């Protein structure tokens, strides 16, 4: 089993969930069960999929979870765009968050490529661990 909490991509995705929660806290009440809920779910599904996939035994299952996280990342990016277009987020805040989610997507894509080529017994297939995590 992999300790996903040591992966830089997990750490960044986790921090971004908190930022999305703060940013979406000012959305109109009418969006509470619509865009607010959706952007939050998409954001937290990224680290949640990483946690679930890391607990799986096979690299194939882990890769599948990473792939799903990539899709969720793109979903958040569109929702940020929509939120800015509707005037719920400032353009600068939306752009900063989008850039950070783009970085997460790039890290996830790199992780997916590495996981797909490795066996299930490797504890850190990504090479994305920070120096202080292990």
N, C-alpha and C. Protein backbone atom coordinates (compact mmCIF):
# COMPACT_ATOMS: atom_id res chain seq x y z
N UNK A 1 0.84 -1.18 0.00
CA UNK A 1 0.00 0.00 0.00
C UNK A 1 0.89 1.25 0.00
N UNK A 2 0.49 2.23 -0.76
CA UNK A 2 1.25 3.47 -0.89
C UNK A 2 0.80 4.48 0.17
N UNK A 3 1.72 5.28 0.67
CA UNK A 3 1.35 6.37 1.58
C UNK A 3 1.20 7.63 0.75
N UNK A 4 0.00 7.85 0.25
CA UNK A 4 -0.27 8.96 -0.66
C UNK A 4 -0.05 10.31 0.00
N UNK A 5 -0.14 10.36 1.32
CA UNK A 5 0.02 11.64 2.02
C UNK A 5 1.42 12.21 1.85
N UNK A 6 2.36 11.41 1.42
CA UNK A 6 3.71 11.89 1.18
C UNK A 6 3.93 12.42 -0.23
N UNK A 7 2.97 12.27 -1.09
CA UNK A 7 3.10 12.72 -2.48
C UNK A 7 2.80 14.21 -2.58
N UNK A 8 3.64 14.93 -3.27
CA UNK A 8 3.43 16.37 -3.45
C UNK A 8 2.10 16.69 -4.13
N UNK A 9 1.70 15.86 -5.08
CA UNK A 9 0.44 16.11 -5.78
C UNK A 9 -0.73 16.00 -4.82
N UNK A 10 -0.68 15.07 -3.90
CA UNK A 10 -1.74 14.94 -2.89
C UNK A 10 -1.76 16.18 -2.00
N UNK A 11 -0.59 16.61 -1.55
CA UNK A 11 -0.50 17.77 -0.66
C UNK A 11 -1.07 19.02 -1.32
N UNK A 12 -0.73 19.25 -2.58
CA UNK A 12 -1.24 20.42 -3.29
C UNK A 12 -2.74 20.31 -3.51
N UNK A 13 -3.21 19.16 -3.93
CA UNK A 13 -4.65 18.96 -4.15
C UNK A 13 -5.42 19.18 -2.85
N UNK A 14 -4.88 18.70 -1.75
CA UNK A 14 -5.53 18.86 -0.45
C UNK A 14 -5.64 20.35 -0.08
N UNK A 15 -4.57 21.09 -0.27
CA UNK A 15 -4.61 22.54 0.01
C UNK A 15 -5.62 23.26 -0.88
N UNK A 16 -5.71 22.82 -2.13
CA UNK A 16 -6.63 23.47 -3.06
C UNK A 16 -8.09 23.22 -2.69
N UNK A 17 -8.39 22.07 -2.09
CA UNK A 17 -9.75 21.82 -1.63
C UNK A 17 -10.16 22.91 -0.64
N UNK A 18 -9.28 23.19 0.30
CA UNK A 18 -9.58 24.23 1.29
C UNK A 18 -9.76 25.59 0.64
N UNK A 19 -8.95 25.89 -0.35
CA UNK A 19 -9.09 27.17 -1.05
C UNK A 19 -10.40 27.25 -1.82
N UNK A 20 -10.82 26.14 -2.42
CA UNK A 20 -12.10 26.12 -3.14
C UNK A 20 -13.25 26.32 -2.15
N UNK A 21 -13.18 25.67 -1.01
CA UNK A 21 -14.22 25.86 0.00
C UNK A 21 -14.32 27.33 0.40
N UNK A 22 -13.19 27.96 0.64
CA UNK A 22 -13.20 29.39 1.02
C UNK A 22 -13.73 30.25 -0.12
N UNK A 23 -13.25 30.00 -1.32
CA UNK A 23 -13.66 30.81 -2.47
C UNK A 23 -15.14 30.66 -2.77
N UNK A 24 -15.68 29.47 -2.61
CA UNK A 24 -17.08 29.23 -2.94
C UNK A 24 -18.02 29.62 -1.81
N UNK A 25 -17.46 29.95 -0.66
CA UNK A 25 -18.28 30.35 0.48
C UNK A 25 -19.09 31.62 0.22
N UNK A 26 -18.63 32.43 -0.72
CA UNK A 26 -19.34 33.67 -1.04
C UNK A 26 -20.29 33.55 -2.21
N UNK A 27 -20.46 32.35 -2.75
CA UNK A 27 -21.40 32.17 -3.86
C UNK A 27 -22.82 32.44 -3.37
N UNK A 28 -23.70 32.84 -4.25
CA UNK A 28 -25.09 33.11 -3.84
C UNK A 28 -25.75 31.88 -3.22
N UNK A 29 -26.64 32.14 -2.31
CA UNK A 29 -27.36 31.06 -1.63
C UNK A 29 -28.10 30.18 -2.63
N UNK A 30 -28.56 30.78 -3.72
CA UNK A 30 -29.28 30.02 -4.74
C UNK A 30 -28.41 28.95 -5.39
N UNK A 31 -27.09 29.05 -5.25
CA UNK A 31 -26.15 28.08 -5.83
C UNK A 31 -25.72 27.00 -4.83
N UNK A 32 -26.25 27.06 -3.60
CA UNK A 32 -25.79 26.16 -2.55
C UNK A 32 -25.87 24.69 -2.96
N UNK A 33 -26.96 24.29 -3.60
CA UNK A 33 -27.11 22.89 -4.00
C UNK A 33 -26.81 22.69 -5.48
N UNK A 34 -26.22 23.68 -6.09
CA UNK A 34 -25.87 23.59 -7.51
C UNK A 34 -24.35 23.79 -7.64
N UNK A 35 -23.93 24.93 -8.13
CA UNK A 35 -22.51 25.15 -8.42
C UNK A 35 -21.63 25.06 -7.17
N UNK A 36 -22.08 25.60 -6.06
CA UNK A 36 -21.27 25.54 -4.83
C UNK A 36 -20.98 24.09 -4.46
N UNK A 37 -22.02 23.29 -4.43
CA UNK A 37 -21.86 21.88 -4.09
C UNK A 37 -21.02 21.15 -5.12
N UNK A 38 -21.25 21.42 -6.37
CA UNK A 38 -20.56 20.71 -7.45
C UNK A 38 -19.06 21.01 -7.47
N UNK A 39 -18.69 22.28 -7.33
CA UNK A 39 -17.26 22.63 -7.38
C UNK A 39 -16.53 22.06 -6.17
N UNK A 40 -17.21 22.04 -5.04
CA UNK A 40 -16.59 21.47 -3.84
C UNK A 40 -16.41 19.96 -3.99
N UNK A 41 -17.43 19.28 -4.47
CA UNK A 41 -17.32 17.82 -4.66
C UNK A 41 -16.23 17.48 -5.66
N UNK A 42 -16.17 18.22 -6.76
CA UNK A 42 -15.13 17.94 -7.76
C UNK A 42 -13.74 18.18 -7.18
N UNK A 43 -13.60 19.24 -6.38
CA UNK A 43 -12.30 19.54 -5.78
C UNK A 43 -11.87 18.46 -4.80
N UNK A 44 -12.77 18.05 -3.90
CA UNK A 44 -12.34 17.05 -2.92
C UNK A 44 -12.25 15.66 -3.50
N UNK A 45 -12.85 15.44 -4.66
CA UNK A 45 -12.73 14.11 -5.25
C UNK A 45 -11.31 13.85 -5.76
N UNK A 46 -10.53 14.88 -5.99
CA UNK A 46 -9.15 14.68 -6.47
C UNK A 46 -8.32 13.98 -5.40
N UNK A 47 -8.14 14.57 -4.21
CA UNK A 47 -7.36 13.84 -3.20
C UNK A 47 -8.06 12.56 -2.72
N UNK A 48 -9.40 12.55 -2.71
CA UNK A 48 -10.11 11.35 -2.28
C UNK A 48 -9.83 10.18 -3.22
N UNK A 49 -9.81 10.44 -4.51
CA UNK A 49 -9.49 9.37 -5.46
C UNK A 49 -8.06 8.90 -5.30
N UNK A 50 -7.15 9.82 -5.01
CA UNK A 50 -5.76 9.43 -4.78
C UNK A 50 -5.64 8.54 -3.56
N UNK A 51 -6.35 8.89 -2.49
CA UNK A 51 -6.32 8.09 -1.27
C UNK A 51 -6.89 6.70 -1.53
N UNK A 52 -8.03 6.66 -2.19
CA UNK A 52 -8.65 5.37 -2.48
C UNK A 52 -7.75 4.51 -3.37
N UNK A 53 -7.24 5.12 -4.43
CA UNK A 53 -6.39 4.37 -5.36
C UNK A 53 -5.11 3.86 -4.72
N UNK A 54 -4.53 4.68 -3.85
CA UNK A 54 -3.29 4.27 -3.18
C UNK A 54 -3.51 3.08 -2.26
N UNK A 55 -4.73 2.93 -1.77
CA UNK A 55 -5.03 1.81 -0.88
C UNK A 55 -5.29 0.52 -1.65
N UNK A 56 -5.46 0.62 -2.94
CA UNK A 56 -5.69 -0.58 -3.77
C UNK A 56 -4.40 -1.36 -3.93
N UNK A 57 -4.53 -2.62 -4.21
CA UNK A 57 -3.36 -3.49 -4.30
C UNK A 57 -2.61 -3.39 -5.62
N UNK A 58 -3.33 -3.14 -6.70
CA UNK A 58 -2.65 -3.19 -8.00
C UNK A 58 -2.36 -1.80 -8.56
N UNK A 59 -1.32 -1.74 -9.35
CA UNK A 59 -0.98 -0.50 -10.04
C UNK A 59 -2.08 -0.10 -11.01
N UNK A 60 -2.74 -1.09 -11.60
CA UNK A 60 -3.83 -0.80 -12.53
C UNK A 60 -4.97 -0.07 -11.83
N UNK A 61 -5.32 -0.51 -10.63
CA UNK A 61 -6.39 0.15 -9.88
C UNK A 61 -5.96 1.55 -9.44
N UNK A 62 -4.71 1.69 -9.04
CA UNK A 62 -4.20 3.00 -8.66
C UNK A 62 -4.23 3.93 -9.87
N UNK A 63 -3.79 3.43 -11.01
CA UNK A 63 -3.80 4.24 -12.24
C UNK A 63 -5.21 4.70 -12.59
N UNK A 64 -6.18 3.83 -12.42
CA UNK A 64 -7.58 4.18 -12.70
C UNK A 64 -8.03 5.33 -11.80
N UNK A 65 -7.67 5.29 -10.53
CA UNK A 65 -8.03 6.35 -9.60
C UNK A 65 -7.34 7.67 -9.95
N UNK A 66 -6.10 7.60 -10.37
CA UNK A 66 -5.38 8.80 -10.80
C UNK A 66 -6.06 9.39 -12.04
N UNK A 67 -6.47 8.53 -12.96
CA UNK A 67 -7.16 8.98 -14.17
C UNK A 67 -8.47 9.68 -13.82
N UNK A 68 -9.22 9.15 -12.88
CA UNK A 68 -10.46 9.78 -12.44
C UNK A 68 -10.16 11.14 -11.81
N UNK A 69 -9.09 11.22 -11.04
CA UNK A 69 -8.69 12.49 -10.41
C UNK A 69 -8.36 13.54 -11.47
N UNK A 70 -7.76 13.13 -12.57
CA UNK A 70 -7.47 14.06 -13.67
C UNK A 70 -8.77 14.64 -14.22
N UNK A 71 -9.77 13.78 -14.41
CA UNK A 71 -11.07 14.25 -14.88
C UNK A 71 -11.70 15.23 -13.92
N UNK A 72 -11.62 14.95 -12.63
CA UNK A 72 -12.17 15.85 -11.62
C UNK A 72 -11.44 17.19 -11.62
N UNK A 73 -10.16 17.14 -11.87
CA UNK A 73 -9.36 18.37 -11.93
C UNK A 73 -9.86 19.27 -13.06
N UNK A 74 -10.10 18.69 -14.20
CA UNK A 74 -10.61 19.46 -15.34
C UNK A 74 -12.02 19.97 -15.07
N UNK A 75 -12.80 19.19 -14.35
CA UNK A 75 -14.15 19.63 -13.98
C UNK A 75 -14.08 20.89 -13.11
N UNK A 76 -13.19 20.90 -12.13
CA UNK A 76 -13.01 22.08 -11.28
C UNK A 76 -12.58 23.27 -12.11
N UNK A 77 -11.68 23.05 -13.03
CA UNK A 77 -11.18 24.17 -13.85
C UNK A 77 -12.31 24.81 -14.64
N UNK A 78 -13.22 24.01 -15.20
CA UNK A 78 -14.35 24.61 -15.89
C UNK A 78 -15.27 25.34 -14.91
N UNK A 79 -15.50 24.75 -13.76
CA UNK A 79 -16.38 25.37 -12.78
C UNK A 79 -15.81 26.70 -12.29
N UNK A 80 -14.50 26.80 -12.19
CA UNK A 80 -13.87 28.09 -11.85
C UNK A 80 -14.14 29.11 -12.95
N UNK A 81 -14.00 28.69 -14.18
CA UNK A 81 -14.27 29.56 -15.33
C UNK A 81 -15.72 30.04 -15.29
N UNK A 82 -16.63 29.12 -15.06
CA UNK A 82 -18.05 29.46 -14.99
C UNK A 82 -18.32 30.42 -13.83
N UNK A 83 -17.73 30.14 -12.69
CA UNK A 83 -17.93 30.99 -11.51
C UNK A 83 -17.45 32.41 -11.75
N UNK A 84 -16.34 32.55 -12.44
CA UNK A 84 -15.84 33.89 -12.76
C UNK A 84 -16.76 34.56 -13.78
N UNK A 85 -17.22 33.81 -14.75
CA UNK A 85 -18.12 34.36 -15.75
C UNK A 85 -19.43 34.84 -15.17
N UNK A 86 -19.89 34.16 -14.13
CA UNK A 86 -21.13 34.55 -13.46
C UNK A 86 -20.91 35.66 -12.43
N UNK A 87 -19.66 36.02 -12.23
CA UNK A 87 -19.34 37.08 -11.27
C UNK A 87 -19.27 36.62 -9.82
N UNK A 88 -19.21 35.31 -9.61
CA UNK A 88 -19.13 34.77 -8.25
C UNK A 88 -17.71 34.80 -7.71
N UNK A 89 -16.75 34.74 -8.61
CA UNK A 89 -15.32 34.82 -8.27
C UNK A 89 -14.70 35.94 -9.07
N UNK A 90 -13.74 36.62 -8.47
CA UNK A 90 -12.98 37.61 -9.22
C UNK A 90 -12.12 36.92 -10.26
N UNK A 91 -11.84 37.63 -11.34
CA UNK A 91 -11.03 37.04 -12.41
C UNK A 91 -9.64 36.63 -11.91
N UNK A 92 -9.03 37.43 -11.04
CA UNK A 92 -7.69 37.09 -10.53
C UNK A 92 -7.72 35.84 -9.66
N UNK A 93 -8.70 35.76 -8.77
CA UNK A 93 -8.81 34.58 -7.90
C UNK A 93 -9.06 33.33 -8.73
N UNK A 94 -9.95 33.43 -9.70
CA UNK A 94 -10.24 32.29 -10.57
C UNK A 94 -9.00 31.88 -11.35
N UNK A 95 -8.26 32.86 -11.86
CA UNK A 95 -7.05 32.56 -12.64
C UNK A 95 -5.98 31.90 -11.78
N UNK A 96 -5.81 32.38 -10.55
CA UNK A 96 -4.83 31.77 -9.65
C UNK A 96 -5.19 30.33 -9.32
N UNK A 97 -6.45 30.11 -8.99
CA UNK A 97 -6.89 28.74 -8.71
C UNK A 97 -6.75 27.85 -9.94
N UNK A 98 -7.13 28.38 -11.09
CA UNK A 98 -7.01 27.60 -12.32
C UNK A 98 -5.56 27.20 -12.58
N UNK A 99 -4.64 28.12 -12.38
CA UNK A 99 -3.22 27.81 -12.58
C UNK A 99 -2.75 26.71 -11.63
N UNK A 100 -3.23 26.76 -10.39
CA UNK A 100 -2.85 25.73 -9.43
C UNK A 100 -3.45 24.37 -9.79
N UNK A 101 -4.70 24.38 -10.26
CA UNK A 101 -5.31 23.11 -10.69
C UNK A 101 -4.65 22.59 -11.97
N UNK A 102 -4.18 23.47 -12.81
CA UNK A 102 -3.41 23.04 -13.99
C UNK A 102 -2.13 22.34 -13.54
N UNK A 103 -1.49 22.89 -12.51
CA UNK A 103 -0.28 22.26 -11.97
C UNK A 103 -0.60 20.87 -11.42
N UNK A 104 -1.72 20.76 -10.70
CA UNK A 104 -2.14 19.45 -10.18
C UNK A 104 -2.37 18.49 -11.33
N UNK A 105 -3.03 18.95 -12.39
CA UNK A 105 -3.29 18.08 -13.54
C UNK A 105 -1.98 17.59 -14.16
N UNK A 106 -1.02 18.47 -14.29
CA UNK A 106 0.27 18.07 -14.85
C UNK A 106 0.95 17.03 -13.96
N UNK A 107 0.88 17.24 -12.65
CA UNK A 107 1.48 16.28 -11.72
C UNK A 107 0.75 14.94 -11.78
N UNK A 108 -0.57 14.98 -11.88
CA UNK A 108 -1.35 13.75 -11.98
C UNK A 108 -1.04 13.01 -13.27
N UNK A 109 -0.89 13.74 -14.35
CA UNK A 109 -0.59 13.13 -15.64
C UNK A 109 0.77 12.43 -15.59
N UNK A 110 1.72 13.08 -14.95
CA UNK A 110 3.06 12.49 -14.78
C UNK A 110 2.98 11.23 -13.89
N UNK A 111 2.20 11.34 -12.82
CA UNK A 111 2.01 10.19 -11.93
C UNK A 111 1.35 9.04 -12.67
N UNK A 112 0.34 9.33 -13.46
CA UNK A 112 -0.36 8.29 -14.22
C UNK A 112 0.60 7.57 -15.16
N UNK A 113 1.45 8.31 -15.83
CA UNK A 113 2.41 7.70 -16.75
C UNK A 113 3.36 6.77 -16.00
N UNK A 114 3.78 7.20 -14.83
CA UNK A 114 4.72 6.37 -14.05
C UNK A 114 4.04 5.14 -13.46
N UNK A 115 2.83 5.33 -12.94
CA UNK A 115 2.11 4.21 -12.33
C UNK A 115 1.76 3.17 -13.38
N UNK A 116 1.40 3.62 -14.54
CA UNK A 116 0.99 2.70 -15.61
C UNK A 116 2.14 1.80 -16.06
N UNK A 117 3.36 2.25 -15.85
CA UNK A 117 4.51 1.47 -16.28
C UNK A 117 5.20 0.70 -15.18
N UNK A 118 4.63 0.70 -13.98
CA UNK A 118 5.27 0.06 -12.84
C UNK A 118 4.42 -1.08 -12.29
N UNK A 119 5.06 -1.95 -11.53
CA UNK A 119 4.33 -3.04 -10.88
C UNK A 119 3.69 -2.53 -9.59
N UNK A 120 2.76 -3.30 -9.06
CA UNK A 120 1.99 -2.89 -7.88
C UNK A 120 2.84 -2.85 -6.61
N UNK A 121 3.98 -3.50 -6.59
CA UNK A 121 4.76 -3.57 -5.37
C UNK A 121 5.59 -2.34 -5.07
N UNK A 122 5.63 -1.39 -5.95
CA UNK A 122 6.44 -0.20 -5.76
C UNK A 122 5.73 0.76 -4.82
N UNK A 123 6.39 1.18 -3.75
CA UNK A 123 5.73 2.03 -2.76
C UNK A 123 5.60 3.47 -3.21
N UNK A 124 6.47 3.95 -4.09
CA UNK A 124 6.39 5.33 -4.55
C UNK A 124 6.65 5.39 -6.05
N UNK A 125 5.66 5.06 -6.84
CA UNK A 125 5.87 5.04 -8.28
C UNK A 125 5.94 6.40 -8.92
N UNK A 126 5.60 7.45 -8.19
CA UNK A 126 5.49 8.76 -8.83
C UNK A 126 6.78 9.55 -8.85
N UNK A 127 7.62 9.36 -7.89
CA UNK A 127 8.78 10.24 -7.78
C UNK A 127 8.36 11.62 -7.34
N UNK A 128 7.13 11.77 -6.87
CA UNK A 128 6.57 13.07 -6.51
C UNK A 128 6.61 13.32 -5.01
N UNK A 129 7.29 12.50 -4.28
CA UNK A 129 7.36 12.70 -2.82
C UNK A 129 8.29 13.86 -2.52
N UNK A 130 7.95 14.59 -1.49
CA UNK A 130 8.84 15.66 -1.07
C UNK A 130 10.01 15.06 -0.31
N UNK A 131 11.10 15.79 -0.24
CA UNK A 131 12.31 15.29 0.38
C UNK A 131 12.11 15.02 1.87
N UNK A 132 11.20 15.74 2.53
CA UNK A 132 11.01 15.56 3.96
C UNK A 132 9.97 14.51 4.29
N UNK A 133 9.44 13.80 3.32
CA UNK A 133 8.35 12.88 3.59
C UNK A 133 8.79 11.43 3.74
N UNK A 134 10.01 11.14 3.63
CA UNK A 134 10.32 9.74 3.72
C UNK A 134 11.65 9.53 4.22
